[in-house]
């Protein structure tokens, strides 16, 4: 049987990988479908008029952050930034939470468990030691 420390390390690594995967897909969208990503920024963040160059720049910055995050580098900052980005993303959908059964709004509740996972990983970052750099 695995020790508690080993089970925690494996669990936190699983959280880190799964959060990385979800955020990586959202980041790739900025490169493959910049019009969609720009529409998301306009609708949910109130930032309109972003072109493909801006989306590519944001995507490149996110990929750099995500690679540092998945590698466990500077955990206070990278895990904190991922938590902040996902928190803003989750809270920006506030109107969808007010009408959960309209259209596809029920899907907007799916980010909440990931937000909890981001929070748990941030709070337990010192215990996250499996396959980290530094």
N, C-alpha and C. Protein backbone atom coordinates (compact mmCIF):
# COMPACT_ATOMS: atom_id res chain seq x y z
N UNK A 1 0.84 -1.18 0.00
CA UNK A 1 0.00 0.00 0.00
C UNK A 1 0.89 1.24 0.00
N UNK A 2 0.45 2.25 -0.76
CA UNK A 2 1.21 3.49 -0.84
C UNK A 2 1.05 4.32 0.42
N UNK A 3 2.08 5.02 0.79
CA UNK A 3 2.01 5.90 1.95
C UNK A 3 1.08 7.08 1.63
N UNK A 4 0.63 7.74 2.67
CA UNK A 4 -0.22 8.92 2.51
C UNK A 4 0.50 9.98 1.70
N UNK A 5 1.78 10.18 1.99
CA UNK A 5 2.57 11.19 1.27
C UNK A 5 2.61 10.88 -0.22
N UNK A 6 2.80 9.61 -0.58
CA UNK A 6 2.86 9.21 -1.98
C UNK A 6 1.49 9.38 -2.66
N UNK A 7 0.42 9.02 -1.95
CA UNK A 7 -0.93 9.17 -2.51
C UNK A 7 -1.26 10.65 -2.73
N UNK A 8 -0.85 11.50 -1.81
CA UNK A 8 -1.07 12.94 -1.98
C UNK A 8 -0.28 13.44 -3.18
N UNK A 9 0.97 13.02 -3.31
CA UNK A 9 1.81 13.46 -4.43
C UNK A 9 1.20 13.03 -5.76
N UNK A 10 0.73 11.81 -5.84
CA UNK A 10 0.11 11.32 -7.08
C UNK A 10 -1.17 12.10 -7.38
N UNK A 11 -1.97 12.35 -6.36
CA UNK A 11 -3.22 13.09 -6.54
C UNK A 11 -2.96 14.51 -7.02
N UNK A 12 -2.01 15.18 -6.40
CA UNK A 12 -1.69 16.56 -6.80
C UNK A 12 -1.11 16.60 -8.21
N UNK A 13 -0.30 15.63 -8.56
CA UNK A 13 0.22 15.54 -9.92
C UNK A 13 -0.93 15.36 -10.92
N UNK A 14 -1.90 14.52 -10.58
CA UNK A 14 -3.06 14.33 -11.43
C UNK A 14 -3.85 15.62 -11.61
N UNK A 15 -4.02 16.37 -10.53
CA UNK A 15 -4.68 17.67 -10.63
C UNK A 15 -3.90 18.60 -11.55
N UNK A 16 -2.59 18.65 -11.35
CA UNK A 16 -1.75 19.54 -12.17
C UNK A 16 -1.86 19.19 -13.65
N UNK A 17 -1.80 17.91 -13.97
CA UNK A 17 -1.88 17.48 -15.37
C UNK A 17 -3.24 17.77 -15.97
N UNK A 18 -4.30 17.50 -15.23
CA UNK A 18 -5.64 17.71 -15.79
C UNK A 18 -5.96 19.20 -15.96
N UNK A 19 -5.54 20.02 -15.02
CA UNK A 19 -5.72 21.47 -15.16
C UNK A 19 -4.93 21.97 -16.35
N UNK A 20 -3.70 21.50 -16.49
CA UNK A 20 -2.87 21.86 -17.64
C UNK A 20 -3.56 21.50 -18.95
N UNK A 21 -4.12 20.31 -19.03
CA UNK A 21 -4.75 19.86 -20.26
C UNK A 21 -5.94 20.75 -20.65
N UNK A 22 -6.80 21.04 -19.69
CA UNK A 22 -7.95 21.89 -19.99
C UNK A 22 -7.50 23.27 -20.44
N UNK A 23 -6.59 23.87 -19.69
CA UNK A 23 -6.15 25.22 -20.03
C UNK A 23 -5.37 25.24 -21.34
N UNK A 24 -4.64 24.17 -21.63
CA UNK A 24 -3.93 24.08 -22.90
C UNK A 24 -4.91 24.09 -24.07
N UNK A 25 -6.02 23.38 -23.95
CA UNK A 25 -7.02 23.36 -25.02
C UNK A 25 -7.59 24.76 -25.24
N UNK A 26 -7.87 25.48 -24.15
CA UNK A 26 -8.38 26.84 -24.29
C UNK A 26 -7.32 27.75 -24.93
N UNK A 27 -6.06 27.49 -24.64
CA UNK A 27 -4.98 28.29 -25.21
C UNK A 27 -4.81 27.98 -26.70
N UNK A 28 -4.85 26.74 -27.06
CA UNK A 28 -4.72 26.35 -28.47
C UNK A 28 -5.83 26.99 -29.31
N UNK A 29 -7.01 27.16 -28.72
CA UNK A 29 -8.12 27.81 -29.41
C UNK A 29 -7.73 29.21 -29.88
N UNK A 30 -6.89 29.89 -29.13
CA UNK A 30 -6.46 31.23 -29.51
C UNK A 30 -5.64 31.22 -30.82
N UNK A 31 -4.96 30.11 -31.08
CA UNK A 31 -4.18 29.98 -32.31
C UNK A 31 -5.01 29.43 -33.47
N UNK A 32 -5.81 28.40 -33.19
CA UNK A 32 -6.55 27.72 -34.25
C UNK A 32 -7.83 28.44 -34.64
N UNK A 33 -8.45 29.11 -33.69
CA UNK A 33 -9.72 29.79 -33.96
C UNK A 33 -9.73 31.13 -33.23
N UNK A 34 -8.86 32.07 -33.67
CA UNK A 34 -8.76 33.34 -32.94
C UNK A 34 -10.06 34.14 -32.93
N UNK A 35 -10.90 33.97 -33.95
CA UNK A 35 -12.17 34.70 -33.95
C UNK A 35 -13.07 34.22 -32.81
N UNK A 36 -13.07 32.92 -32.56
CA UNK A 36 -13.85 32.39 -31.44
C UNK A 36 -13.30 32.91 -30.12
N UNK A 37 -11.98 32.86 -29.95
CA UNK A 37 -11.37 33.34 -28.71
C UNK A 37 -11.66 34.83 -28.51
N UNK A 38 -11.60 35.61 -29.60
CA UNK A 38 -11.89 37.04 -29.50
C UNK A 38 -13.35 37.27 -29.12
N UNK A 39 -14.26 36.44 -29.64
CA UNK A 39 -15.68 36.56 -29.29
C UNK A 39 -15.90 36.24 -27.81
N UNK A 40 -15.16 35.28 -27.27
CA UNK A 40 -15.25 34.95 -25.84
C UNK A 40 -14.79 36.15 -25.02
N UNK A 41 -13.67 36.76 -25.40
CA UNK A 41 -13.17 37.93 -24.68
C UNK A 41 -14.18 39.07 -24.72
N UNK A 42 -14.80 39.26 -25.88
CA UNK A 42 -15.78 40.34 -26.02
C UNK A 42 -17.02 40.07 -25.17
N UNK A 43 -17.54 38.86 -25.22
CA UNK A 43 -18.78 38.55 -24.51
C UNK A 43 -18.61 38.46 -23.00
N UNK A 44 -17.56 37.78 -22.55
CA UNK A 44 -17.44 37.50 -21.12
C UNK A 44 -16.54 38.47 -20.36
N UNK A 45 -15.60 39.10 -21.05
CA UNK A 45 -14.68 40.01 -20.37
C UNK A 45 -14.89 41.47 -20.77
N UNK A 46 -15.77 41.70 -21.76
CA UNK A 46 -16.02 43.06 -22.22
C UNK A 46 -14.85 43.68 -22.95
N UNK A 47 -13.97 42.84 -23.51
CA UNK A 47 -12.80 43.33 -24.25
C UNK A 47 -13.00 42.97 -25.71
N UNK A 48 -13.44 43.93 -26.50
CA UNK A 48 -13.72 43.67 -27.90
C UNK A 48 -12.59 44.13 -28.81
N UNK A 49 -12.70 43.76 -30.09
CA UNK A 49 -11.77 44.23 -31.11
C UNK A 49 -10.40 43.58 -31.09
N UNK A 50 -10.28 42.42 -30.49
CA UNK A 50 -8.97 41.74 -30.45
C UNK A 50 -8.78 40.95 -31.74
N UNK A 51 -7.65 41.19 -32.38
CA UNK A 51 -7.39 40.49 -33.65
C UNK A 51 -6.55 39.24 -33.42
N UNK A 52 -6.25 38.54 -34.49
CA UNK A 52 -5.52 37.27 -34.38
C UNK A 52 -4.11 37.47 -33.83
N UNK A 53 -3.50 38.61 -34.09
CA UNK A 53 -2.17 38.89 -33.54
C UNK A 53 -2.19 39.00 -32.02
N UNK A 54 -3.21 39.67 -31.52
CA UNK A 54 -3.36 39.79 -30.06
C UNK A 54 -3.64 38.42 -29.45
N UNK A 55 -4.51 37.65 -30.12
CA UNK A 55 -4.83 36.31 -29.61
C UNK A 55 -3.58 35.42 -29.61
N UNK A 56 -2.76 35.53 -30.65
CA UNK A 56 -1.53 34.73 -30.70
C UNK A 56 -0.57 35.15 -29.60
N UNK A 57 -0.48 36.44 -29.32
CA UNK A 57 0.39 36.93 -28.24
C UNK A 57 -0.11 36.42 -26.89
N UNK A 58 -1.42 36.55 -26.66
CA UNK A 58 -1.97 36.03 -25.40
C UNK A 58 -1.76 34.52 -25.30
N UNK A 59 -1.96 33.82 -26.42
CA UNK A 59 -1.75 32.38 -26.43
C UNK A 59 -0.32 32.00 -26.11
N UNK A 60 0.63 32.73 -26.68
CA UNK A 60 2.05 32.44 -26.42
C UNK A 60 2.39 32.66 -24.95
N UNK A 61 1.85 33.74 -24.38
CA UNK A 61 2.10 34.00 -22.96
C UNK A 61 1.46 32.92 -22.08
N UNK A 62 0.28 32.47 -22.47
CA UNK A 62 -0.39 31.42 -21.70
C UNK A 62 0.37 30.10 -21.81
N UNK A 63 0.87 29.79 -23.00
CA UNK A 63 1.63 28.54 -23.15
C UNK A 63 2.88 28.57 -22.28
N UNK A 64 3.56 29.70 -22.24
CA UNK A 64 4.74 29.82 -21.38
C UNK A 64 4.36 29.59 -19.92
N UNK A 65 3.27 30.23 -19.48
CA UNK A 65 2.80 30.04 -18.10
C UNK A 65 2.44 28.58 -17.85
N UNK A 66 1.71 27.97 -18.78
CA UNK A 66 1.26 26.59 -18.58
C UNK A 66 2.42 25.60 -18.54
N UNK A 67 3.45 25.84 -19.34
CA UNK A 67 4.61 24.94 -19.31
C UNK A 67 5.33 25.05 -17.97
N UNK A 68 5.45 26.26 -17.46
CA UNK A 68 6.05 26.43 -16.13
C UNK A 68 5.17 25.79 -15.06
N UNK A 69 3.86 25.97 -15.19
CA UNK A 69 2.90 25.39 -14.26
C UNK A 69 3.00 23.87 -14.24
N UNK A 70 2.94 23.23 -15.40
CA UNK A 70 2.94 21.77 -15.44
C UNK A 70 4.27 21.19 -14.98
N UNK A 71 5.34 21.99 -15.11
CA UNK A 71 6.65 21.55 -14.64
C UNK A 71 6.84 21.82 -13.15
N UNK A 72 5.91 22.54 -12.53
CA UNK A 72 6.00 22.82 -11.10
C UNK A 72 7.06 23.86 -10.76
N UNK A 73 7.31 24.77 -11.69
CA UNK A 73 8.32 25.82 -11.49
C UNK A 73 7.67 27.02 -10.80
N UNK A 74 8.35 27.57 -9.81
CA UNK A 74 7.87 28.77 -9.10
C UNK A 74 6.39 28.64 -8.76
N UNK A 75 6.07 27.63 -8.00
CA UNK A 75 4.68 27.24 -7.75
C UNK A 75 3.83 28.37 -7.18
N UNK A 76 4.37 29.17 -6.29
CA UNK A 76 3.57 30.26 -5.72
C UNK A 76 3.02 31.13 -6.85
N UNK A 77 3.86 31.45 -7.82
CA UNK A 77 3.46 32.36 -8.89
C UNK A 77 2.70 31.66 -10.01
N UNK A 78 3.19 30.51 -10.46
CA UNK A 78 2.52 29.85 -11.58
C UNK A 78 1.19 29.23 -11.15
N UNK A 79 1.15 28.57 -10.01
CA UNK A 79 -0.11 28.00 -9.54
C UNK A 79 -1.09 29.13 -9.20
N UNK A 80 -0.56 30.21 -8.62
CA UNK A 80 -1.39 31.37 -8.30
C UNK A 80 -1.96 32.02 -9.55
N UNK A 81 -1.14 32.14 -10.58
CA UNK A 81 -1.61 32.75 -11.84
C UNK A 81 -2.68 31.89 -12.49
N UNK A 82 -2.48 30.58 -12.49
CA UNK A 82 -3.48 29.67 -13.06
C UNK A 82 -4.78 29.76 -12.26
N UNK A 83 -4.69 29.79 -10.95
CA UNK A 83 -5.87 29.93 -10.10
C UNK A 83 -6.58 31.25 -10.41
N UNK A 84 -5.85 32.32 -10.52
CA UNK A 84 -6.43 33.63 -10.81
C UNK A 84 -7.09 33.64 -12.19
N UNK A 85 -6.39 33.15 -13.21
CA UNK A 85 -6.95 33.13 -14.56
C UNK A 85 -8.23 32.30 -14.61
N UNK A 86 -8.20 31.12 -14.01
CA UNK A 86 -9.39 30.29 -14.05
C UNK A 86 -10.50 30.88 -13.18
N UNK A 87 -10.14 31.51 -12.08
CA UNK A 87 -11.15 32.16 -11.24
C UNK A 87 -11.86 33.28 -11.97
N UNK A 88 -11.10 34.12 -12.67
CA UNK A 88 -11.71 35.20 -13.45
C UNK A 88 -12.59 34.61 -14.55
N UNK A 89 -12.10 33.58 -15.21
CA UNK A 89 -12.87 32.93 -16.26
C UNK A 89 -14.18 32.36 -15.72
N UNK A 90 -14.13 31.72 -14.57
CA UNK A 90 -15.32 31.12 -13.98
C UNK A 90 -16.31 32.19 -13.55
N UNK A 91 -15.83 33.23 -12.91
CA UNK A 91 -16.72 34.28 -12.42
C UNK A 91 -17.27 35.17 -13.53
N UNK A 92 -16.58 35.23 -14.67
CA UNK A 92 -17.06 36.07 -15.77
C UNK A 92 -18.34 35.52 -16.39
N UNK A 93 -18.68 34.30 -16.09
CA UNK A 93 -19.89 33.67 -16.62
C UNK A 93 -21.07 33.84 -15.68
N UNK A 94 -21.04 34.83 -14.83
CA UNK A 94 -22.03 34.99 -13.77
C UNK A 94 -23.47 34.96 -14.30
N UNK A 95 -23.73 35.62 -15.42
CA UNK A 95 -25.10 35.67 -15.94
C UNK A 95 -25.63 34.28 -16.30
N UNK A 96 -24.76 33.40 -16.75
CA UNK A 96 -25.19 32.05 -17.10
C UNK A 96 -25.62 31.26 -15.85
N UNK A 97 -25.06 31.60 -14.70
CA UNK A 97 -25.43 30.91 -13.47
C UNK A 97 -26.84 31.30 -13.00
N UNK A 98 -27.29 32.47 -13.43
CA UNK A 98 -28.60 32.95 -13.02
C UNK A 98 -29.74 32.27 -13.80
N UNK A 99 -29.41 31.68 -14.93
CA UNK A 99 -30.41 30.98 -15.75
C UNK A 99 -29.82 29.63 -16.17
N UNK A 100 -29.59 28.72 -15.23
CA UNK A 100 -28.86 27.49 -15.53
C UNK A 100 -29.52 26.57 -16.55
N UNK A 101 -30.83 26.67 -16.71
CA UNK A 101 -31.51 25.73 -17.59
C UNK A 101 -31.88 26.35 -18.93
N UNK A 102 -31.36 27.53 -19.22
CA UNK A 102 -31.55 28.16 -20.53
C UNK A 102 -30.42 27.71 -21.46
N UNK A 103 -30.78 27.17 -22.59
CA UNK A 103 -29.79 26.76 -23.57
C UNK A 103 -28.76 25.82 -22.97
N UNK A 104 -27.49 26.14 -23.22
CA UNK A 104 -26.38 25.31 -22.74
C UNK A 104 -25.77 25.86 -21.45
N UNK A 105 -26.49 26.73 -20.76
CA UNK A 105 -25.93 27.36 -19.56
C UNK A 105 -25.53 26.38 -18.47
N UNK A 106 -26.15 25.22 -18.44
CA UNK A 106 -25.80 24.23 -17.43
C UNK A 106 -24.33 23.83 -17.52
N UNK A 107 -23.77 23.89 -18.73
CA UNK A 107 -22.36 23.56 -18.93
C UNK A 107 -21.43 24.55 -18.22
N UNK A 108 -21.92 25.74 -17.93
CA UNK A 108 -21.08 26.74 -17.28
C UNK A 108 -20.80 26.40 -15.82
N UNK A 109 -21.47 25.39 -15.29
CA UNK A 109 -21.18 24.96 -13.93
C UNK A 109 -19.99 24.01 -13.87
N UNK A 110 -19.58 23.45 -15.00
CA UNK A 110 -18.46 22.50 -15.04
C UNK A 110 -17.13 23.11 -14.58
N UNK A 111 -16.86 24.37 -14.80
CA UNK A 111 -15.58 24.93 -14.33
C UNK A 111 -15.42 25.02 -12.81
N UNK A 112 -16.51 24.91 -12.05
CA UNK A 112 -16.40 25.05 -10.60
C UNK A 112 -15.55 23.97 -9.96
N UNK A 113 -15.70 22.69 -10.33
CA UNK A 113 -14.80 21.69 -9.74
C UNK A 113 -13.34 21.94 -10.12
N UNK A 114 -13.11 22.43 -11.34
CA UNK A 114 -11.73 22.73 -11.73
C UNK A 114 -11.20 23.91 -10.92
N UNK A 115 -12.05 24.88 -10.64
CA UNK A 115 -11.62 26.00 -9.81
C UNK A 115 -11.25 25.50 -8.41
N UNK A 116 -12.04 24.58 -7.88
CA UNK A 116 -11.71 23.98 -6.57
C UNK A 116 -10.39 23.22 -6.65
N UNK A 117 -10.17 22.53 -7.78
CA UNK A 117 -8.90 21.80 -7.96
C UNK A 117 -7.73 22.76 -8.03
N UNK A 118 -7.91 23.88 -8.73
CA UNK A 118 -6.85 24.90 -8.80
C UNK A 118 -6.55 25.44 -7.41
N UNK A 119 -7.60 25.69 -6.63
CA UNK A 119 -7.42 26.18 -5.28
C UNK A 119 -6.72 25.18 -4.39
N UNK A 120 -7.13 23.92 -4.49
CA UNK A 120 -6.49 22.87 -3.70
C UNK A 120 -5.02 22.73 -4.06
N UNK A 121 -4.73 22.74 -5.35
CA UNK A 121 -3.34 22.61 -5.80
C UNK A 121 -2.51 23.80 -5.31
N UNK A 122 -3.08 25.00 -5.36
CA UNK A 122 -2.37 26.18 -4.87
C UNK A 122 -2.10 26.06 -3.36
N UNK A 123 -3.12 25.68 -2.60
CA UNK A 123 -2.97 25.58 -1.15
C UNK A 123 -2.01 24.47 -0.74
N UNK A 124 -1.96 23.41 -1.52
CA UNK A 124 -1.10 22.26 -1.20
C UNK A 124 0.17 22.21 -2.06
N UNK A 125 0.53 23.35 -2.64
CA UNK A 125 1.66 23.39 -3.58
C UNK A 125 2.96 22.86 -2.99
N UNK A 126 3.17 23.03 -1.70
CA UNK A 126 4.39 22.53 -1.08
C UNK A 126 4.42 21.00 -1.01
N UNK A 127 3.24 20.39 -1.08
CA UNK A 127 3.15 18.93 -1.06
C UNK A 127 3.22 18.35 -2.48
N UNK A 128 3.12 19.19 -3.49
CA UNK A 128 3.14 18.75 -4.88
C UNK A 128 4.61 18.61 -5.32
N UNK A 129 5.13 17.40 -5.20
CA UNK A 129 6.56 17.18 -5.42
C UNK A 129 6.85 16.18 -6.53
N UNK A 130 5.82 15.56 -7.10
CA UNK A 130 6.04 14.53 -8.12
C UNK A 130 6.30 15.18 -9.47
N UNK A 131 7.44 14.90 -10.04
CA UNK A 131 7.84 15.40 -11.37
C UNK A 131 7.77 16.92 -11.46
N UNK A 132 8.39 17.58 -10.50
CA UNK A 132 8.50 19.03 -10.54
C UNK A 132 9.94 19.43 -10.78
N UNK A 133 10.13 20.60 -11.35
CA UNK A 133 11.46 21.15 -11.59
C UNK A 133 11.72 22.19 -10.51
N UNK A 134 12.81 22.08 -9.84
CA UNK A 134 13.18 23.08 -8.85
C UNK A 134 12.67 22.76 -7.46
